[in-house]
Amino acid sequence: MKFKIRILLLNDSIGVAIDQIYLNNIIALTNYYFWPKTDAWKLIQIEIGSKNWLNENEKILILNRLTEILNSWKKSQK
C-alpha cells in the first residue's frame, strides 16, 4: 500500500495527517493533528492502530516517517 503524509506548516506548529492511496483514490486515514499543541505522534499512533487492514510493518513505517518529519521541524524551530 502507498501512504501520503499531509503537512501544514504554521508559525508555531506543524499539522500532520495520514492518507492512504488505493486504486488512485486518496482515503484519509487520520485527522490533522497539530504538534506541539497536541501529541500528534501519539494520536496518529492510536488512529492507525485501529485500522485492522494495515499490517504492523506499515504502521511502523508510517510512524517512523512521522518521527523524522516532526524531528526535522523541531530542529528548524531552534
PDB file of N, CA and C in Angstrom:
ATOM      1  N   MET A   1       0.843  -1.185   0.000  1.00  0.00           N
ATOM      2  CA  MET A   1       0.000   0.000   0.000  1.00  0.00           C
ATOM      3  C   MET A   1       0.880   1.237   0.000  1.00  0.00           C
ATOM      4  N   LYS A   2       0.324   2.315  -0.515  1.00  0.00           N
ATOM      5  CA  LYS A   2       1.020   3.590  -0.519  1.00  0.00           C
ATOM      6  C   LYS A   2       0.324   4.546   0.445  1.00  0.00           C
ATOM      7  N   PHE A   3       1.146   5.371   1.071  1.00  0.00           N
ATOM      8  CA  PHE A   3       0.628   6.328   2.038  1.00  0.00           C
ATOM      9  C   PHE A   3       1.188   7.711   1.734  1.00  0.00           C
ATOM     10  N   LYS A   4       0.447   8.709   2.185  1.00  0.00           N
ATOM     11  CA  LYS A   4       0.846  10.095   1.979  1.00  0.00           C
ATOM     12  C   LYS A   4       0.692  10.812   3.312  1.00  0.00           C
ATOM     13  N   ILE A   5       1.721  11.556   3.685  1.00  0.00           N
ATOM     14  CA  ILE A   5       1.637  12.367   4.893  1.00  0.00           C
ATOM     15  C   ILE A   5       1.342  13.794   4.457  1.00  0.00           C
ATOM     16  N   ARG A   6       0.228  14.316   4.910  1.00  0.00           N
ATOM     17  CA  ARG A   6      -0.121  15.710   4.616  1.00  0.00           C
ATOM     18  C   ARG A   6       0.459  16.589   5.717  1.00  0.00           C
ATOM     19  N   ILE A   7       1.042  17.714   5.317  1.00  0.00           N
ATOM     20  CA  ILE A   7       1.702  18.596   6.268  1.00  0.00           C
ATOM     21  C   ILE A   7       1.202  20.019   6.087  1.00  0.00           C
ATOM     22  N   LEU A   8       0.880  20.658   7.204  1.00  0.00           N
ATOM     23  CA  LEU A   8       0.544  22.079   7.224  1.00  0.00           C
ATOM     24  C   LEU A   8       1.570  22.767   8.115  1.00  0.00           C
ATOM     25  N   LEU A   9       2.369  23.643   7.535  1.00  0.00           N
ATOM     26  CA  LEU A   9       3.353  24.383   8.315  1.00  0.00           C
ATOM     27  C   LEU A   9       2.757  25.702   8.763  1.00  0.00           C
ATOM     28  N   LEU A  10       2.730  25.906  10.067  1.00  0.00           N
ATOM     29  CA  LEU A  10       2.226  27.143  10.643  1.00  0.00           C
ATOM     30  C   LEU A  10       3.378  27.830  11.379  1.00  0.00           C
ATOM     31  N   ASN A  11       3.141  29.032  11.859  1.00  0.00           N
ATOM     32  CA  ASN A  11       4.211  29.768  12.530  1.00  0.00           C
ATOM     33  C   ASN A  11       4.763  29.053  13.757  1.00  0.00           C
ATOM     34  N   ASP A  12       3.876  28.477  14.557  1.00  0.00           N
ATOM     35  CA  ASP A  12       4.325  27.883  15.815  1.00  0.00           C
ATOM     36  C   ASP A  12       3.965  26.408  15.966  1.00  0.00           C
ATOM     37  N   SER A  13       3.524  25.783  14.895  1.00  0.00           N
ATOM     38  CA  SER A  13       3.178  24.358  14.967  1.00  0.00           C
ATOM     39  C   SER A  13       3.194  23.751  13.569  1.00  0.00           C
ATOM     40  N   ILE A  14       3.108  22.434  13.564  1.00  0.00           N
ATOM     41  CA  ILE A  14       3.036  21.693  12.304  1.00  0.00           C
ATOM     42  C   ILE A  14       1.827  20.765  12.388  1.00  0.00           C
ATOM     43  N   GLY A  15       1.009  20.788  11.349  1.00  0.00           N
ATOM     44  CA  GLY A  15      -0.142  19.890  11.280  1.00  0.00           C
ATOM     45  C   GLY A  15       0.201  18.694  10.418  1.00  0.00           C
ATOM     46  N   VAL A  16      -0.153  17.503  10.885  1.00  0.00           N
ATOM     47  CA  VAL A  16       0.134  16.285  10.128  1.00  0.00           C
ATOM     48  C   VAL A  16      -1.099  15.390  10.090  1.00  0.00           C
ATOM     49  N   ALA A  17      -1.283  14.740   8.957  1.00  0.00           N
ATOM     50  CA  ALA A  17      -2.368  13.772   8.765  1.00  0.00           C
ATOM     51  C   ALA A  17      -1.874  12.712   7.798  1.00  0.00           C
ATOM     52  N   ILE A  18      -2.459  11.544   7.855  1.00  0.00           N
ATOM     53  CA  ILE A  18      -2.045  10.420   7.010  1.00  0.00           C
ATOM     54  C   ILE A  18      -3.176  10.046   6.075  1.00  0.00           C
ATOM     55  N   ASP A  19      -2.828   9.878   4.802  1.00  0.00           N
ATOM     56  CA  ASP A  19      -3.755   9.386   3.782  1.00  0.00           C
ATOM     57  C   ASP A  19      -3.246   8.057   3.240  1.00  0.00           C
ATOM     58  N   GLN A  20      -4.163   7.262   2.753  1.00  0.00           N
ATOM     59  CA  GLN A  20      -3.822   6.029   2.039  1.00  0.00           C
ATOM     60  C   GLN A  20      -4.191   6.225   0.577  1.00  0.00           C
ATOM     61  N   ILE A  21      -3.303   5.822  -0.300  1.00  0.00           N
ATOM     62  CA  ILE A  21      -3.587   5.875  -1.731  1.00  0.00           C
ATOM     63  C   ILE A  21      -3.946   4.461  -2.167  1.00  0.00           C
ATOM     64  N   TYR A  22      -5.163   4.303  -2.651  1.00  0.00           N
ATOM     65  CA  TYR A  22      -5.668   2.976  -3.011  1.00  0.00           C
ATOM     66  C   TYR A  22      -6.399   3.081  -4.345  1.00  0.00           C
ATOM     67  N   LEU A  23      -5.913   2.376  -5.346  1.00  0.00           N
ATOM     68  CA  LEU A  23      -6.512   2.385  -6.682  1.00  0.00           C
ATOM     69  C   LEU A  23      -6.729   3.811  -7.192  1.00  0.00           C
ATOM     70  N   ASN A  24      -5.698   4.619  -7.062  1.00  0.00           N
ATOM     71  CA  ASN A  24      -5.708   6.023  -7.490  1.00  0.00           C
ATOM     72  C   ASN A  24      -6.703   6.897  -6.731  1.00  0.00           C
ATOM     73  N   ASN A  25      -7.213   6.415  -5.628  1.00  0.00           N
ATOM     74  CA  ASN A  25      -8.080   7.205  -4.756  1.00  0.00           C
ATOM     75  C   ASN A  25      -7.315   7.535  -3.483  1.00  0.00           C
ATOM     76  N   ILE A  26      -7.554   8.713  -2.952  1.00  0.00           N
ATOM     77  CA  ILE A  26      -6.925   9.117  -1.699  1.00  0.00           C
ATOM     78  C   ILE A  26      -7.959   9.000  -0.589  1.00  0.00           C
ATOM     79  N   ILE A  27      -7.616   8.216   0.422  1.00  0.00           N
ATOM     80  CA  ILE A  27      -8.511   7.962   1.548  1.00  0.00           C
ATOM     81  C   ILE A  27      -7.850   8.521   2.807  1.00  0.00           C
ATOM     82  N   ALA A  28      -8.525   9.403   3.512  1.00  0.00           N
ATOM     83  CA  ALA A  28      -7.991   9.957   4.758  1.00  0.00           C
ATOM     84  C   ALA A  28      -7.996   8.871   5.833  1.00  0.00           C
ATOM     85  N   LEU A  29      -6.802   8.581   6.365  1.00  0.00           N
ATOM     86  CA  LEU A  29      -6.716   7.607   7.461  1.00  0.00           C
ATOM     87  C   LEU A  29      -6.819   8.275   8.820  1.00  0.00           C
ATOM     88  N   THR A  30      -6.326   9.521   8.903  1.00  0.00           N
ATOM     89  CA  THR A  30      -6.355  10.236  10.180  1.00  0.00           C
ATOM     90  C   THR A  30      -6.819  11.669   9.974  1.00  0.00           C
ATOM     91  N   ASN A  31      -7.192  12.267  11.063  1.00  0.00           N
ATOM     92  CA  ASN A  31      -7.454  13.699  11.099  1.00  0.00           C
ATOM     93  C   ASN A  31      -6.118  14.428  11.107  1.00  0.00           C
ATOM     94  N   TYR A  32      -6.159  15.745  10.968  1.00  0.00           N
ATOM     95  CA  TYR A  32      -4.969  16.560  11.185  1.00  0.00           C
ATOM     96  C   TYR A  32      -4.754  16.700  12.686  1.00  0.00           C
ATOM     97  N   TYR A  33      -3.490  16.585  13.094  1.00  0.00           N
ATOM     98  CA  TYR A  33      -3.104  16.850  14.477  1.00  0.00           C
ATOM     99  C   TYR A  33      -1.966  17.850  14.442  1.00  0.00           C
ATOM    100  N   PHE A  34      -1.983  18.786  15.378  1.00  0.00           N
ATOM    101  CA  PHE A  34      -1.027  19.879  15.373  1.00  0.00           C
ATOM    102  C   PHE A  34      -0.055  19.729  16.540  1.00  0.00           C
ATOM    103  N   TRP A  35       1.212  19.586  16.151  1.00  0.00           N
ATOM    104  CA  TRP A  35       2.261  19.406  17.135  1.00  0.00           C
ATOM    105  C   TRP A  35       3.043  20.685  17.234  1.00  0.00           C
ATOM    106  N   PRO A  36       3.433  21.179  18.359  1.00  0.00           N
ATOM    107  CA  PRO A  36       3.421  20.557  19.685  1.00  0.00           C
ATOM    108  C   PRO A  36       2.183  20.843  20.524  1.00  0.00           C
ATOM    109  N   LYS A  37       1.159  21.450  19.937  1.00  0.00           N
ATOM    110  CA  LYS A  37      -0.057  21.747  20.709  1.00  0.00           C
ATOM    111  C   LYS A  37      -0.724  20.471  21.220  1.00  0.00           C
ATOM    112  N   THR A  38      -0.637  19.397  20.432  1.00  0.00           N
ATOM    113  CA  THR A  38      -1.121  18.077  20.872  1.00  0.00           C
ATOM    114  C   THR A  38       0.012  17.087  20.627  1.00  0.00           C
ATOM    115  N   ASP A  39      -0.111  15.918  21.186  1.00  0.00           N
ATOM    116  CA  ASP A  39       0.870  14.871  20.930  1.00  0.00           C
ATOM    117  C   ASP A  39       0.462  14.173  19.629  1.00  0.00           C
ATOM    118  N   ALA A  40       0.768  14.842  18.517  1.00  0.00           N
ATOM    119  CA  ALA A  40       0.341  14.370  17.201  1.00  0.00           C
ATOM    120  C   ALA A  40       0.794  12.946  16.932  1.00  0.00           C
ATOM    121  N   TRP A  41       2.015  12.623  17.314  1.00  0.00           N
ATOM    122  CA  TRP A  41       2.556  11.284  17.059  1.00  0.00           C
ATOM    123  C   TRP A  41       1.697  10.241  17.765  1.00  0.00           C
ATOM    124  N   LYS A  42       1.405  10.473  19.027  1.00  0.00           N
ATOM    125  CA  LYS A  42       0.615   9.510  19.820  1.00  0.00           C
ATOM    126  C   LYS A  42      -0.809   9.396  19.283  1.00  0.00           C
ATOM    127  N   LEU A  43      -1.414  10.509  18.913  1.00  0.00           N
ATOM    128  CA  LEU A  43      -2.787  10.473  18.399  1.00  0.00           C
ATOM    129  C   LEU A  43      -2.861   9.732  17.065  1.00  0.00           C
ATOM    130  N   ILE A  44      -1.863   9.932  16.214  1.00  0.00           N
ATOM    131  CA  ILE A  44      -1.837   9.198  14.946  1.00  0.00           C
ATOM    132  C   ILE A  44      -1.560   7.728  15.194  1.00  0.00           C
ATOM    133  N   GLN A  45      -0.691   7.420  16.152  1.00  0.00           N
ATOM    134  CA  GLN A  45      -0.436   6.013  16.502  1.00  0.00           C
ATOM    135  C   GLN A  45      -1.739   5.325  16.916  1.00  0.00           C
ATOM    136  N   ILE A  46      -2.525   5.995  17.718  1.00  0.00           N
ATOM    137  CA  ILE A  46      -3.803   5.425  18.161  1.00  0.00           C
ATOM    138  C   ILE A  46      -4.749   5.248  16.973  1.00  0.00           C
ATOM    139  N   GLU A  47      -4.830   6.270  16.129  1.00  0.00           N
ATOM    140  CA  GLU A  47      -5.754   6.199  14.987  1.00  0.00           C
ATOM    141  C   GLU A  47      -5.383   5.102  14.002  1.00  0.00           C
ATOM    142  N   ILE A  48      -4.095   5.013  13.636  1.00  0.00           N
ATOM    143  CA  ILE A  48      -3.733   3.961  12.674  1.00  0.00           C
ATOM    144  C   ILE A  48      -3.728   2.589  13.338  1.00  0.00           C
ATOM    145  N   GLY A  49      -3.578   2.566  14.660  1.00  0.00           N
ATOM    146  CA  GLY A  49      -3.664   1.299  15.382  1.00  0.00           C
ATOM    147  C   GLY A  49      -5.031   0.660  15.277  1.00  0.00           C
ATOM    148  N   SER A  50      -6.052   1.480  15.068  1.00  0.00           N
ATOM    149  CA  SER A  50      -7.418   0.957  14.962  1.00  0.00           C
ATOM    150  C   SER A  50      -7.757   0.468  13.552  1.00  0.00           C
ATOM    151  N   LYS A  51      -6.847   0.682  12.616  1.00  0.00           N
ATOM    152  CA  LYS A  51      -7.082   0.261  11.224  1.00  0.00           C
ATOM    153  C   LYS A  51      -6.599  -1.174  11.056  1.00  0.00           C
ATOM    154  N   ASN A  52      -7.509  -2.117  11.142  1.00  0.00           N
ATOM    155  CA  ASN A  52      -7.162  -3.545  11.112  1.00  0.00           C
ATOM    156  C   ASN A  52      -6.552  -3.996   9.799  1.00  0.00           C
ATOM    157  N   TRP A  53      -6.825  -3.288   8.719  1.00  0.00           N
ATOM    158  CA  TRP A  53      -6.304  -3.708   7.418  1.00  0.00           C
ATOM    159  C   TRP A  53      -4.848  -3.300   7.208  1.00  0.00           C
ATOM    160  N   LEU A  54      -4.307  -2.461   8.085  1.00  0.00           N
ATOM    161  CA  LEU A  54      -2.889  -2.113   7.996  1.00  0.00           C
ATOM    162  C   LEU A  54      -2.079  -3.143   8.772  1.00  0.00           C
ATOM    163  N   ASN A  55      -1.005  -3.621   8.162  1.00  0.00           N
ATOM    164  CA  ASN A  55      -0.178  -4.560   8.914  1.00  0.00           C
ATOM    165  C   ASN A  55       0.812  -3.793   9.788  1.00  0.00           C
ATOM    166  N   GLU A  56       1.452  -4.482  10.707  1.00  0.00           N
ATOM    167  CA  GLU A  56       2.345  -3.843  11.667  1.00  0.00           C
ATOM    168  C   GLU A  56       3.513  -3.135  10.991  1.00  0.00           C
ATOM    169  N   ASN A  57       4.051  -3.720   9.928  1.00  0.00           N
ATOM    170  CA  ASN A  57       5.169  -3.089   9.224  1.00  0.00           C
ATOM    171  C   ASN A  57       4.749  -1.748   8.625  1.00  0.00           C
ATOM    172  N   GLU A  58       3.555  -1.666   8.069  1.00  0.00           N
ATOM    173  CA  GLU A  58       3.060  -0.411   7.507  1.00  0.00           C
ATOM    174  C   GLU A  58       2.892   0.641   8.601  1.00  0.00           C
ATOM    175  N   LYS A  59       2.356   0.223   9.731  1.00  0.00           N
ATOM    176  CA  LYS A  59       2.174   1.150  10.846  1.00  0.00           C
ATOM    177  C   LYS A  59       3.521   1.676  11.334  1.00  0.00           C
ATOM    178  N   ILE A  60       4.497   0.796  11.436  1.00  0.00           N
ATOM    179  CA  ILE A  60       5.834   1.198  11.885  1.00  0.00           C
ATOM    180  C   ILE A  60       6.473   2.161  10.886  1.00  0.00           C
ATOM    181  N   LEU A  61       6.344   1.872   9.590  1.00  0.00           N
ATOM    182  CA  LEU A  61       6.901   2.758   8.570  1.00  0.00           C
ATOM    183  C   LEU A  61       6.274   4.147   8.633  1.00  0.00           C
ATOM    184  N   ILE A  62       4.968   4.208   8.805  1.00  0.00           N
ATOM    185  CA  ILE A  62       4.273   5.497   8.904  1.00  0.00           C
ATOM    186  C   ILE A  62       4.778   6.268  10.120  1.00  0.00           C
ATOM    187  N   LEU A  63       4.849   5.609  11.266  1.00  0.00           N
ATOM    188  CA  LEU A  63       5.262   6.294  12.492  1.00  0.00           C
ATOM    189  C   LEU A  63       6.730   6.709  12.446  1.00  0.00           C
ATOM    190  N   ASN A  64       7.573   5.889  11.832  1.00  0.00           N
ATOM    191  CA  ASN A  64       8.983   6.261  11.691  1.00  0.00           C
ATOM    192  C   ASN A  64       9.135   7.495  10.817  1.00  0.00           C
ATOM    193  N   ARG A  65       8.413   7.536   9.728  1.00  0.00           N
ATOM    194  CA  ARG A  65       8.483   8.699   8.831  1.00  0.00           C
ATOM    195  C   ARG A  65       7.927   9.943   9.525  1.00  0.00           C
ATOM    196  N   LEU A  66       6.859   9.761  10.264  1.00  0.00           N
ATOM    197  CA  LEU A  66       6.278  10.865  11.020  1.00  0.00           C
ATOM    198  C   LEU A  66       7.278  11.392  12.048  1.00  0.00           C
ATOM    199  N   THR A  67       7.997  10.510  12.705  1.00  0.00           N
ATOM    200  CA  THR A  67       9.030  10.902  13.663  1.00  0.00           C
ATOM    201  C   THR A  67      10.096  11.748  12.979  1.00  0.00           C
ATOM    202  N   GLU A  68      10.542  11.326  11.800  1.00  0.00           N
ATOM    203  CA  GLU A  68      11.544  12.086  11.057  1.00  0.00           C
ATOM    204  C   GLU A  68      11.043  13.496  10.735  1.00  0.00           C
ATOM    205  N   ILE A  69       9.802  13.603  10.312  1.00  0.00           N
ATOM    206  CA  ILE A  69       9.227  14.900   9.949  1.00  0.00           C
ATOM    207  C   ILE A  69       9.130  15.806  11.172  1.00  0.00           C
ATOM    208  N   LEU A  70       8.617  15.279  12.277  1.00  0.00           N
ATOM    209  CA  LEU A  70       8.468  16.085  13.486  1.00  0.00           C
ATOM    210  C   LEU A  70       9.827  16.513  14.038  1.00  0.00           C
ATOM    211  N   ASN A  71      10.798  15.613  14.020  1.00  0.00           N
ATOM    212  CA  ASN A  71      12.140  15.963  14.494  1.00  0.00           C
ATOM    213  C   ASN A  71      12.777  17.027  13.610  1.00  0.00           C
ATOM    214  N   SER A  72      12.598  16.914  12.315  1.00  0.00           N
ATOM    215  CA  SER A  72      13.143  17.899  11.388  1.00  0.00           C
ATOM    216  C   SER A  72      12.504  19.266  11.623  1.00  0.00           C
ATOM    217  N   TRP A  73      11.206  19.296  11.814  1.00  0.00           N
ATOM    218  CA  TRP A  73      10.518  20.561  12.085  1.00  0.00           C
ATOM    219  C   TRP A  73      11.016  21.160  13.392  1.00  0.00           C
ATOM    220  N   LYS A  74      11.171  20.313  14.406  1.00  0.00           N
ATOM    221  CA  LYS A  74      11.640  20.780  15.722  1.00  0.00           C
ATOM    222  C   LYS A  74      13.025  21.417  15.598  1.00  0.00           C
ATOM    223  N   LYS A  75      13.929  20.788  14.843  1.00  0.00           N
ATOM    224  CA  LYS A  75      15.269  21.334  14.656  1.00  0.00           C
ATOM    225  C   LYS A  75      15.229  22.672  13.928  1.00  0.00           C
ATOM    226  N   SER A  76      14.323  22.797  12.979  1.00  0.00           N
ATOM    227  CA  SER A  76      14.238  24.044  12.203  1.00  0.00           C
ATOM    228  C   SER A  76      13.686  25.193  13.048  1.00  0.00           C
ATOM    229  N   GLN A  77      13.038  24.897  14.141  1.00  0.00           N
ATOM    230  CA  GLN A  77      12.453  25.928  15.008  1.00  0.00           C
ATOM    231  C   GLN A  77      13.467  26.507  15.986  1.00  0.00           C
ATOM    232  N   LYS A  78      14.635  25.865  16.116  1.00  0.00           N
ATOM    233  CA  LYS A  78      15.656  26.338  17.072  1.00  0.00           C
ATOM    234  C   LYS A  78      16.471  27.454  16.510  1.00  0.00           C
TER     235      LYS A  78
END
